[in-house]
């Protein structure tokens, strides 16, 4: 049993998903599965916290350590991904019933997708990396097309599937080149071969670039973002919530691990000719495009999709600075991902809460006057967009502060990224504050349907929990930052 302890969170998720498949056949009220999946995520996340506290991560069977890490960084992402899954499960419990989409397979797909995301985030081998990536992706494709009668939902799933397949093929081709160049699929062994000069460097660099392209797709970095707006808009909102937090977190987890462990040598990570300027360029165009594209959107859901692209750019700033700023940059990335998870869950959850009776609140016009008619329903939305904006005292404020500070600490070659990040954040203020303007300062147009918040205890609990963490991380970030620092320290040691 002690040998199974490091894999306990994964075992809880996979056994829980299989159990839900059986329970689904015998229960008529599918909302019960929402509560069941929520507790599966809570218990799995709690197991990761327990491993962190008791330091069971040291007792790792050799056969497992060859493919999956159980260091503090992997446990950190276990917690983040399980947290995103728990919020999504609660939101689905209200959303699916309200919009006559109650089918138990959504919760099974959600748990299996989170299982794949954790495998991906824990991977220390190219083989387990690809298995985790595809397990996560297949579940996400199915969730994107969950509204089977909707052409828009089918289009979203098809675009995500086709583009995701191309990205996975590029990543697999890159992995093959790296294996051919180094003779190993283990990330640490690849790094040793490259730093010692035993690898065929030109092949390894080509493979690295292809892997960056494949992972850039998963984190919605420009110009590999094409699927994001249509998929986020067409998918049901609880699925969009998990794709924007869980899938993105896993993508960044493995991107950081691959770059620092396998390509952390002085030549591959050279600030002028290595991967840092490549990541810096991706960060710049992602921040610029994501923010400016969000400005012209009439759909709140689509605006949040472009906002998600912009936030990928902010996180890439920390990734670009990671080789120079080390622990400070990596911990900033980890903290930002945790803050982004609770903030995005709150924003999407508030959007879900605004729609009832089969009518979703999607456009800015749908939100007109809600703050006056239903003040309690509007407050979480305001808190969510302010956190995404980076307004104090919310989690998003310290997330951006730590990221930009890491870029400054990395030196002159990255200071411009911090400046660009601040400027594009100012652009983001326009479309985030626009939500608040419509909530409190606009009135519905004559004859337009009036948004009425749904009556769902599941959604209310999700909003209360996410609001708590948004404020808790904003007012007392120390505990969460210490966790991020402890996780980063093991990776960059």
Protein backbone atom coordinates (compact mmCIF):
# COMPACT_ATOMS: atom_id res chain seq x y z
CA UNK A 1 0.00 0.00 0.00
CA UNK A 2 2.86 2.40 0.73
CA UNK A 3 4.07 1.92 -2.84
CA UNK A 4 0.68 3.11 -4.10
CA UNK A 5 0.63 6.26 -1.98
CA UNK A 6 2.35 8.55 -4.53
CA UNK A 7 -0.29 7.54 -7.10
CA UNK A 8 -3.22 7.91 -4.69
CA UNK A 9 -4.73 11.05 -6.31
CA UNK A 10 -4.68 9.34 -9.71
CA UNK A 11 -6.20 6.16 -8.30
CA UNK A 12 -8.99 8.11 -6.63
CA UNK A 13 -9.87 9.83 -9.90
CA UNK A 14 -9.87 6.74 -12.09
CA UNK A 15 -11.71 4.53 -9.58
CA UNK A 16 -14.18 7.33 -8.94
CA UNK A 17 -14.86 7.76 -12.67
CA UNK A 18 -15.45 4.03 -13.10
CA UNK A 19 -17.79 4.04 -10.09
CA UNK A 20 -19.75 6.94 -11.58
CA UNK A 21 -20.26 4.96 -14.78
CA UNK A 22 -22.01 2.29 -12.69
CA UNK A 23 -23.97 4.77 -10.59
CA UNK A 24 -25.15 6.56 -13.74
CA UNK A 25 -27.02 3.44 -14.81
CA UNK A 26 -29.10 3.34 -11.62
CA UNK A 27 -29.89 6.96 -10.72
CA UNK A 28 -32.52 9.07 -12.40
CA UNK A 29 -31.43 12.39 -10.87
CA UNK A 30 -28.17 13.00 -12.71
CA UNK A 31 -27.41 16.04 -10.58
CA UNK A 32 -26.39 13.58 -7.87
CA UNK A 33 -23.40 12.75 -10.05
CA UNK A 34 -22.36 16.40 -9.85
CA UNK A 35 -22.03 16.06 -6.09
CA UNK A 36 -20.28 12.72 -6.46
CA UNK A 37 -17.73 14.08 -8.94
CA UNK A 38 -17.20 17.14 -6.75
CA UNK A 39 -16.27 14.94 -3.78
CA UNK A 40 -14.05 12.77 -5.98
CA UNK A 41 -12.07 15.89 -6.89
CA UNK A 42 -12.02 17.09 -3.28
CA UNK A 43 -10.75 13.73 -1.99
CA UNK A 44 -8.13 13.47 -4.76
CA UNK A 45 -6.98 17.03 -4.10
CA UNK A 46 -6.97 16.31 -0.38
CA UNK A 47 -4.78 13.26 -1.00
CA UNK A 48 -2.30 15.50 -2.82
CA UNK A 49 -2.33 17.93 0.12
CA UNK A 50 -1.75 14.98 2.45
CA UNK A 51 1.24 13.81 0.39
CA UNK A 52 2.59 17.35 0.46
CA UNK A 53 2.25 17.66 4.24
CA UNK A 54 3.52 14.20 5.15
CA UNK A 55 6.27 14.27 2.52
CA UNK A 56 5.31 10.86 1.22
CA UNK A 57 6.67 12.04 -2.12
CA UNK A 58 10.04 10.56 -1.11
CA UNK A 59 8.71 6.99 -1.11
CA UNK A 60 8.30 6.53 -4.86
CA UNK A 61 8.53 3.11 -6.56
CA UNK A 62 11.27 3.10 -9.21
CA UNK A 63 8.95 1.92 -11.96
CA UNK A 64 6.70 4.93 -11.34
CA UNK A 65 9.50 7.48 -11.01
CA UNK A 66 10.66 6.60 -14.54
CA UNK A 67 7.46 8.04 -16.00
CA UNK A 68 5.67 10.21 -13.44
CA UNK A 69 7.01 12.77 -10.98
CA UNK A 70 5.66 12.99 -7.46
CA UNK A 71 7.62 16.06 -6.42
CA UNK A 72 6.00 19.13 -4.92
CA UNK A 73 5.51 20.71 -8.32
CA UNK A 74 3.44 17.76 -9.51
CA UNK A 75 1.42 17.81 -6.28
CA UNK A 76 0.86 21.55 -6.73
CA UNK A 77 -0.70 20.92 -10.13
CA UNK A 78 -2.72 18.00 -8.74
CA UNK A 79 -4.33 20.51 -6.38
CA UNK A 80 -4.89 23.13 -9.08
CA UNK A 81 -6.40 20.68 -11.58
CA UNK A 82 -8.60 19.00 -8.96
CA UNK A 83 -9.74 22.45 -7.82
CA UNK A 84 -10.70 23.39 -11.37
CA UNK A 85 -12.52 20.07 -11.76
CA UNK A 86 -14.43 20.55 -8.50
CA UNK A 87 -15.65 24.00 -9.56
CA UNK A 88 -16.64 22.70 -13.00
CA UNK A 89 -18.56 19.77 -11.50
CA UNK A 90 -20.61 22.07 -9.26
CA UNK A 91 -21.32 24.46 -12.13
CA UNK A 92 -22.40 21.55 -14.34
CA UNK A 93 -24.77 20.36 -11.61
CA UNK A 94 -26.83 23.52 -12.05
CA UNK A 95 -26.20 24.21 -15.74
CA UNK A 96 -27.09 20.81 -17.21
CA UNK A 97 -30.39 20.57 -15.37
CA UNK A 98 -31.37 24.17 -16.14
CA UNK A 99 -30.75 23.72 -19.86
CA UNK A 100 -32.20 20.19 -20.21
CA UNK A 101 -28.82 18.57 -20.87
CA UNK A 102 -28.68 16.20 -17.91
CA UNK A 103 -26.63 13.22 -18.98
CA UNK A 104 -24.33 11.47 -16.56
CA UNK A 105 -21.50 10.95 -19.01
CA UNK A 106 -20.43 14.60 -18.67
CA UNK A 107 -19.18 14.03 -15.14
CA UNK A 108 -17.35 10.85 -16.15
CA UNK A 109 -15.70 12.72 -19.01
CA UNK A 110 -14.76 15.55 -16.67
CA UNK A 111 -13.02 13.25 -14.19
CA UNK A 112 -11.19 11.27 -16.88
CA UNK A 113 -10.08 14.54 -18.53
CA UNK A 114 -8.69 15.72 -15.19
CA UNK A 115 -6.97 12.34 -14.80
CA UNK A 116 -5.23 12.86 -18.15
CA UNK A 117 -4.33 16.43 -17.20
CA UNK A 118 -2.62 15.23 -14.02
CA UNK A 119 -0.74 12.52 -15.94
CA UNK A 120 0.45 15.23 -18.34
CA UNK A 121 1.48 17.60 -15.54
CA UNK A 122 3.37 14.82 -13.73
CA UNK A 123 5.14 13.40 -16.80
CA UNK A 124 8.92 13.05 -16.77
CA UNK A 125 9.05 10.91 -19.91
CA UNK A 126 7.97 11.62 -23.48
CA UNK A 127 5.86 8.44 -23.51
CA UNK A 128 3.79 9.29 -20.44
CA UNK A 129 3.62 12.88 -21.69
CA UNK A 130 1.89 11.80 -24.89
CA UNK A 131 -0.44 9.37 -23.10
CA UNK A 132 -1.49 12.05 -20.64
CA UNK A 133 -1.93 14.61 -23.41
CA UNK A 134 -4.20 12.35 -25.46
CA UNK A 135 -6.22 11.15 -22.46
CA UNK A 136 -6.87 14.74 -21.49
CA UNK A 137 -7.57 15.85 -25.06
CA UNK A 138 -10.04 13.10 -25.94
CA UNK A 139 -12.16 13.94 -22.92
CA UNK A 140 -12.01 17.65 -23.74
CA UNK A 141 -13.07 17.02 -27.35
CA UNK A 142 -16.10 15.07 -26.16
CA UNK A 143 -17.06 17.72 -23.61
CA UNK A 144 -16.78 20.45 -26.26
CA UNK A 145 -19.41 18.64 -28.37
CA UNK A 146 -21.65 17.66 -25.47
CA UNK A 147 -24.64 19.66 -26.79
CA UNK A 148 -25.22 17.21 -29.62
CA UNK A 149 -28.22 19.02 -31.13
CA UNK A 150 -26.30 22.28 -31.56
CA UNK A 151 -24.44 22.94 -34.81
CA UNK A 152 -22.25 25.48 -33.01
CA UNK A 153 -21.25 22.91 -30.39
CA UNK A 154 -20.46 20.32 -33.06
CA UNK A 155 -18.38 22.89 -34.92
CA UNK A 156 -16.51 23.71 -31.70
CA UNK A 157 -15.69 20.06 -31.06
CA UNK A 158 -14.65 19.42 -34.67
CA UNK A 159 -12.32 22.42 -34.78
CA UNK A 160 -10.79 21.47 -31.45
CA UNK A 161 -10.35 17.86 -32.54
CA UNK A 162 -8.80 18.60 -35.95
CA UNK A 163 -6.43 21.32 -34.78
CA UNK A 164 -5.62 19.34 -31.63
CA UNK A 165 -4.75 16.30 -33.76
CA UNK A 166 -2.34 18.33 -35.88
CA UNK A 167 -0.74 19.79 -32.77
CA UNK A 168 -0.39 16.34 -31.20
CA UNK A 169 1.21 15.04 -34.39
CA UNK A 170 3.76 17.86 -34.34
CA UNK A 171 4.51 17.18 -30.68
CA UNK A 172 4.93 13.46 -31.40
CA UNK A 173 7.23 14.20 -34.35
CA UNK A 174 9.25 16.50 -32.12
CA UNK A 175 9.49 13.78 -29.48
CA UNK A 176 10.75 11.32 -32.12
CA UNK A 177 13.46 13.76 -33.20
CA UNK A 178 14.53 14.30 -29.59
CA UNK A 179 14.69 10.54 -29.03
CA UNK A 180 16.77 10.14 -32.18
CA UNK A 181 19.10 12.93 -31.08
CA UNK A 182 19.60 11.79 -27.48
CA UNK A 183 18.72 8.09 -27.38
CA UNK A 184 16.31 8.57 -24.48
CA UNK A 185 12.70 9.53 -23.79
CA UNK A 186 13.34 10.50 -20.16
CA UNK A 187 13.35 14.28 -19.69
CA UNK A 188 16.28 14.32 -17.26
CA UNK A 189 18.32 11.94 -19.44
CA UNK A 190 17.62 14.12 -22.46
CA UNK A 191 18.90 17.14 -20.55
CA UNK A 192 22.05 15.26 -19.52
CA UNK A 193 22.76 14.15 -23.09
CA UNK A 194 22.37 17.68 -24.44
CA UNK A 195 24.42 19.42 -21.73
CA UNK A 196 27.23 16.85 -22.01
CA UNK A 197 27.50 17.28 -25.79
CA UNK A 198 26.56 13.65 -26.53
CA UNK A 199 23.35 14.58 -28.37
CA UNK A 200 22.93 15.62 -31.99
CA UNK A 201 22.08 19.17 -31.06
CA UNK A 202 20.50 20.28 -34.34
CA UNK A 203 18.00 17.41 -34.22
CA UNK A 204 17.26 18.05 -30.54
CA UNK A 205 16.61 21.75 -31.18
CA UNK A 206 14.27 20.93 -34.08
CA UNK A 207 12.41 18.52 -31.84
CA UNK A 208 12.22 21.12 -29.07
CA UNK A 209 10.66 23.68 -31.44
CA UNK A 210 8.04 21.17 -32.60
CA UNK A 211 7.22 20.33 -28.99
CA UNK A 212 6.85 24.03 -28.17
CA UNK A 213 4.38 24.35 -31.06
CA UNK A 214 2.33 21.37 -29.82
CA UNK A 215 2.21 22.65 -26.26
CA UNK A 216 1.58 26.25 -27.37
CA UNK A 217 -1.62 24.95 -28.93
CA UNK A 218 -2.76 23.52 -25.59
CA UNK A 219 -2.14 26.77 -23.73
CA UNK A 220 -3.79 28.93 -26.46
CA UNK A 221 -0.69 30.91 -27.39
CA UNK A 222 -0.88 33.03 -30.56
CA UNK A 223 -0.63 32.03 -33.43
CA UNK A 224 -1.74 28.57 -32.27
CA UNK A 225 -4.92 29.88 -30.66
CA UNK A 226 -7.29 29.45 -33.62
CA UNK A 227 -9.52 26.90 -31.89
CA UNK A 228 -10.00 28.82 -28.65
CA UNK A 229 -12.71 31.44 -29.40
CA UNK A 230 -15.00 29.10 -31.36
CA UNK A 231 -14.53 26.16 -28.98
CA UNK A 232 -15.03 28.22 -25.83
CA UNK A 233 -18.16 29.80 -27.32
CA UNK A 234 -19.67 26.62 -28.75
CA UNK A 235 -18.99 24.29 -25.81
CA UNK A 236 -21.31 24.21 -22.83
CA UNK A 237 -20.01 26.66 -20.24
CA UNK A 238 -18.97 24.13 -17.53
CA UNK A 239 -16.81 22.40 -20.16
CA UNK A 240 -15.38 25.76 -21.19
CA UNK A 241 -14.57 26.45 -17.54
CA UNK A 242 -12.47 23.30 -17.17
CA UNK A 243 -10.77 23.73 -20.55
CA UNK A 244 -9.76 27.25 -19.58
CA UNK A 245 -8.26 26.24 -16.23
CA UNK A 246 -7.44 22.52 -16.01
CA UNK A 247 -6.23 21.96 -19.57
CA UNK A 248 -4.26 25.22 -19.56
CA UNK A 249 -2.64 24.43 -16.19
CA UNK A 250 -1.51 20.99 -17.36
CA UNK A 251 -0.13 22.45 -20.59
CA UNK A 252 1.95 25.02 -18.74
CA UNK A 253 3.11 22.45 -16.19
CA UNK A 254 4.67 20.22 -18.83
CA UNK A 255 5.97 23.15 -20.89
CA UNK A 256 7.94 24.47 -17.91
CA UNK A 257 9.21 21.00 -17.01
CA UNK A 258 10.35 20.17 -20.56
CA UNK A 259 12.13 23.50 -21.08
CA UNK A 260 13.91 23.58 -17.72
CA UNK A 261 14.71 19.89 -17.30
CA UNK A 262 15.47 18.82 -20.88
CA UNK A 263 16.61 22.11 -22.40
CA UNK A 264 17.97 24.01 -19.42
CA UNK A 265 21.59 23.99 -20.60
CA UNK A 266 23.37 27.25 -21.38
CA UNK A 267 23.16 26.78 -25.14
CA UNK A 268 19.50 25.72 -25.49
CA UNK A 269 18.38 28.35 -22.97
CA UNK A 270 20.59 31.13 -24.28
CA UNK A 271 18.88 34.49 -23.82
CA UNK A 272 19.68 35.48 -27.41
CA UNK A 273 19.62 32.30 -29.50
CA UNK A 274 17.82 29.69 -27.35
CA UNK A 275 14.20 29.11 -26.36
CA UNK A 276 13.76 32.17 -24.02
CA UNK A 277 13.48 34.68 -26.91
CA UNK A 278 11.10 32.30 -28.71
CA UNK A 279 8.85 32.11 -25.66
CA UNK A 280 9.20 35.87 -25.14
CA UNK A 281 8.03 36.47 -28.72
CA UNK A 282 5.05 34.16 -28.20
CA UNK A 283 4.23 35.98 -24.96
CA UNK A 284 4.33 39.39 -26.64
CA UNK A 285 2.08 38.58 -29.60
CA UNK A 286 -0.27 36.58 -27.36
CA UNK A 287 -0.73 39.47 -24.92
CA UNK A 288 -1.23 41.99 -27.72
CA UNK A 289 -3.57 39.93 -29.87
CA UNK A 290 -5.62 38.47 -27.00
CA UNK A 291 -6.35 41.82 -25.42
CA UNK A 292 -7.08 43.78 -28.60
CA UNK A 293 -9.24 41.00 -30.05
CA UNK A 294 -11.30 40.88 -26.83
CA UNK A 295 -12.12 44.58 -27.10
CA UNK A 296 -14.44 44.19 -30.08
CA UNK A 297 -16.46 41.20 -28.88
CA UNK A 298 -20.22 41.44 -28.31
CA UNK A 299 -20.39 38.02 -26.63
CA UNK A 300 -19.19 37.86 -23.03
CA UNK A 301 -18.27 34.21 -23.45
CA UNK A 302 -16.18 34.97 -26.54
CA UNK A 303 -14.61 37.92 -24.74
CA UNK A 304 -13.55 35.58 -21.93
CA UNK A 305 -12.09 33.25 -24.57
CA UNK A 306 -9.84 36.01 -25.93
CA UNK A 307 -9.14 37.01 -22.35
CA UNK A 308 -7.92 33.45 -21.77
CA UNK A 309 -5.53 33.88 -24.68
CA UNK A 310 -4.23 37.13 -23.18
CA UNK A 311 -3.64 35.43 -19.82
CA UNK A 312 -1.65 32.70 -21.58
CA UNK A 313 0.58 35.53 -22.76
CA UNK A 314 1.08 36.82 -19.22
CA UNK A 315 2.03 33.35 -18.00
CA UNK A 316 4.46 32.93 -20.91
CA UNK A 317 6.27 36.04 -19.62
CA UNK A 318 7.15 34.06 -16.51
CA UNK A 319 8.14 31.01 -18.58
CA UNK A 320 10.45 33.13 -20.76
CA UNK A 321 12.16 34.53 -17.66
CA UNK A 322 12.41 31.15 -15.93
CA UNK A 323 15.97 30.29 -16.98
CA UNK A 324 17.38 33.58 -15.68
CA UNK A 325 15.06 34.31 -12.75
CA UNK A 326 14.85 30.63 -11.78
CA UNK A 327 12.79 29.87 -8.70
CA UNK A 328 11.23 33.35 -8.62
CA UNK A 329 9.87 33.08 -12.18
CA UNK A 330 8.65 29.50 -11.85
CA UNK A 331 6.89 30.22 -8.54
CA UNK A 332 5.26 33.27 -10.17
CA UNK A 333 3.95 31.04 -12.98
CA UNK A 334 2.57 28.52 -10.47
CA UNK A 335 0.92 31.19 -8.33
CA UNK A 336 -0.58 32.85 -11.42
CA UNK A 337 -2.10 29.56 -12.58
CA UNK A 338 -3.71 28.99 -9.19
CA UNK A 339 -5.06 32.56 -9.09
CA UNK A 340 -6.27 32.29 -12.69
CA UNK A 341 -8.08 29.04 -11.89
CA UNK A 342 -10.23 30.52 -9.14
CA UNK A 343 -10.75 33.81 -11.01
CA UNK A 344 -11.84 32.17 -14.25
CA UNK A 345 -14.07 29.69 -12.41
CA UNK A 346 -15.75 32.67 -10.74
CA UNK A 347 -16.21 34.57 -14.02
CA UNK A 348 -17.59 31.63 -15.98
CA UNK A 349 -19.63 30.50 -12.98
CA UNK A 350 -21.22 33.94 -12.74
CA UNK A 351 -22.07 33.81 -16.45
CA UNK A 352 -23.71 30.41 -15.90
CA UNK A 353 -25.66 31.79 -12.94
CA UNK A 354 -27.11 34.60 -15.07
CA UNK A 355 -28.90 32.19 -17.40
CA UNK A 356 -32.04 30.24 -16.53
CA UNK A 357 -35.13 28.63 -18.06
CA UNK A 358 -33.07 27.31 -20.96
CA UNK A 359 -31.86 30.81 -21.87
CA UNK A 360 -28.14 31.45 -21.51
CA UNK A 361 -26.77 34.89 -20.78
CA UNK A 362 -24.13 35.21 -23.49
CA UNK A 363 -23.99 38.77 -24.82
CA UNK A 364 -23.26 42.01 -23.00
CA UNK A 365 -26.87 43.04 -23.69
CA UNK A 366 -28.08 39.99 -21.75
CA UNK A 367 -26.37 41.38 -18.65
CA UNK A 368 -27.94 44.84 -18.89
CA UNK A 369 -29.38 45.94 -15.56
CA UNK A 370 -28.79 42.66 -13.72
CA UNK A 371 -26.83 44.49 -11.03
CA UNK A 372 -29.92 46.52 -10.14
CA UNK A 373 -32.50 43.76 -10.43
CA UNK A 374 -30.41 41.04 -8.77
CA UNK A 375 -27.58 42.68 -6.77
CA UNK A 376 -26.43 39.47 -5.09
CA UNK A 377 -26.03 37.73 -8.45
CA UNK A 378 -23.92 40.53 -9.93
CA UNK A 379 -21.38 40.78 -7.10
CA UNK A 380 -19.51 37.52 -7.92
CA UNK A 381 -19.27 38.55 -11.57
CA UNK A 382 -17.77 41.90 -10.60
CA UNK A 383 -15.28 40.16 -8.32
CA UNK A 384 -14.33 37.68 -11.05
CA UNK A 385 -13.64 40.26 -13.77
CA UNK A 386 -11.75 42.51 -11.34
CA UNK A 387 -9.50 39.59 -10.44
CA UNK A 388 -8.89 38.79 -14.11
CA UNK A 389 -8.08 42.46 -14.62
CA UNK A 390 -5.58 42.34 -11.74
CA UNK A 391 -7.33 44.79 -9.46
CA UNK A 392 -6.41 44.70 -5.74
CA UNK A 393 -7.24 43.11 -3.38
CA UNK A 394 -7.92 40.06 -5.57
CA UNK A 395 -5.88 36.99 -6.47
CA UNK A 396 -5.24 38.32 -9.97
CA UNK A 397 -3.43 41.40 -8.67
CA UNK A 398 -0.64 39.45 -7.01
CA UNK A 399 -0.57 36.99 -9.91
CA UNK A 400 0.35 39.75 -12.35
CA UNK A 401 2.64 41.47 -9.85
CA UNK A 402 4.75 38.34 -9.32
CA UNK A 403 4.92 37.58 -13.06
CA UNK A 404 6.00 41.08 -14.07
CA UNK A 405 8.43 41.29 -11.15
CA UNK A 406 10.04 38.03 -12.27
CA UNK A 407 10.53 39.48 -15.76
CA UNK A 408 12.20 42.55 -14.27
CA UNK A 409 14.44 40.39 -12.07
CA UNK A 410 15.47 38.36 -15.14
CA UNK A 411 17.30 41.39 -16.53
CA UNK A 412 17.30 43.87 -19.37
CA UNK A 413 16.35 41.36 -22.04
CA UNK A 414 12.97 40.75 -20.40
CA UNK A 415 12.06 44.08 -18.82
CA UNK A 416 10.26 45.08 -22.01
CA UNK A 417 7.92 42.10 -21.53
CA UNK A 418 6.89 43.44 -18.13
CA UNK A 419 6.25 46.88 -19.62
CA UNK A 420 4.23 45.36 -22.46
CA UNK A 421 2.28 43.29 -19.96
CA UNK A 422 1.30 46.38 -17.97
CA UNK A 423 0.26 48.24 -21.13
CA UNK A 424 -1.85 45.37 -22.48
CA UNK A 425 -3.43 44.95 -19.03
CA UNK A 426 -4.61 48.55 -19.38
CA UNK A 427 -6.29 47.53 -22.64
CA UNK A 428 -7.88 44.63 -20.78
CA UNK A 429 -9.42 47.09 -18.34
CA UNK A 430 -11.74 48.27 -21.13
CA UNK A 431 -13.48 44.97 -21.79
CA UNK A 432 -13.48 43.79 -18.17
CA UNK A 433 -14.97 47.04 -16.86
CA UNK A 434 -17.46 46.93 -19.72
CA UNK A 435 -19.08 43.97 -17.95
CA UNK A 436 -19.59 46.09 -14.84
CA UNK A 437 -20.97 48.96 -16.92
CA UNK A 438 -23.62 46.70 -18.41
CA UNK A 439 -24.47 45.12 -15.07
CA UNK A 440 -25.11 48.42 -13.31
CA UNK A 441 -25.37 51.27 -15.81
CA UNK A 442 -27.33 49.85 -18.74
CA UNK A 443 -30.98 48.91 -19.10
CA UNK A 444 -32.33 46.09 -21.29
CA UNK A 445 -33.50 47.14 -24.74
CA UNK A 446 -37.22 47.16 -25.41
CA UNK A 447 -38.47 43.64 -26.06
CA UNK A 448 -35.12 42.03 -25.23
CA UNK A 449 -35.19 38.94 -22.98
CA UNK A 450 -34.32 39.78 -19.38
CA UNK A 451 -31.66 37.63 -17.70
CA UNK A 452 -32.93 35.88 -14.58
CA UNK A 453 -30.39 34.11 -12.30
CA UNK A 454 -30.99 30.38 -11.95
CA UNK A 455 -31.97 28.75 -8.69
CA UNK A 456 -29.22 26.21 -8.14
CA UNK A 457 -27.50 25.40 -4.89
CA UNK A 458 -24.61 23.81 -6.78
CA UNK A 459 -23.81 27.01 -8.68
CA UNK A 460 -24.23 29.17 -5.57
CA UNK A 461 -21.76 26.99 -3.63
CA UNK A 462 -19.26 27.18 -6.53
CA UNK A 463 -19.54 30.97 -6.59
CA UNK A 464 -19.13 31.27 -2.81
CA UNK A 465 -16.06 29.01 -2.78
CA UNK A 466 -14.38 30.69 -5.75
CA UNK A 467 -15.16 34.14 -4.33
CA UNK A 468 -13.56 33.13 -1.04
CA UNK A 469 -10.34 31.99 -2.71
CA UNK A 470 -10.19 35.05 -4.99
CA UNK A 471 -10.32 37.30 -1.93
CA UNK A 472 -8.21 35.05 0.30
CA UNK A 473 -5.39 34.88 -2.25
CA UNK A 474 -5.65 38.62 -2.78
CA UNK A 475 -5.65 39.66 0.87
CA UNK A 476 -3.26 37.02 2.27
CA UNK A 477 -1.26 35.51 -0.59
CA UNK A 478 1.55 34.28 1.64
CA UNK A 479 0.38 30.68 2.11
CA UNK A 480 -0.22 30.11 -1.58
CA UNK A 481 2.98 31.84 -2.64
CA UNK A 482 4.95 29.72 -0.17
CA UNK A 483 3.43 26.61 -1.77
CA UNK A 484 4.42 27.87 -5.22
CA UNK A 485 7.95 28.63 -4.05
CA UNK A 486 8.33 25.20 -2.44
CA UNK A 487 7.11 23.55 -5.65
CA UNK A 488 9.40 25.64 -7.87
CA UNK A 489 12.42 25.03 -5.65
CA UNK A 490 12.41 21.29 -6.37
CA UNK A 491 12.26 21.83 -10.14
CA UNK A 492 15.04 24.40 -10.45
CA UNK A 493 17.27 22.93 -7.73
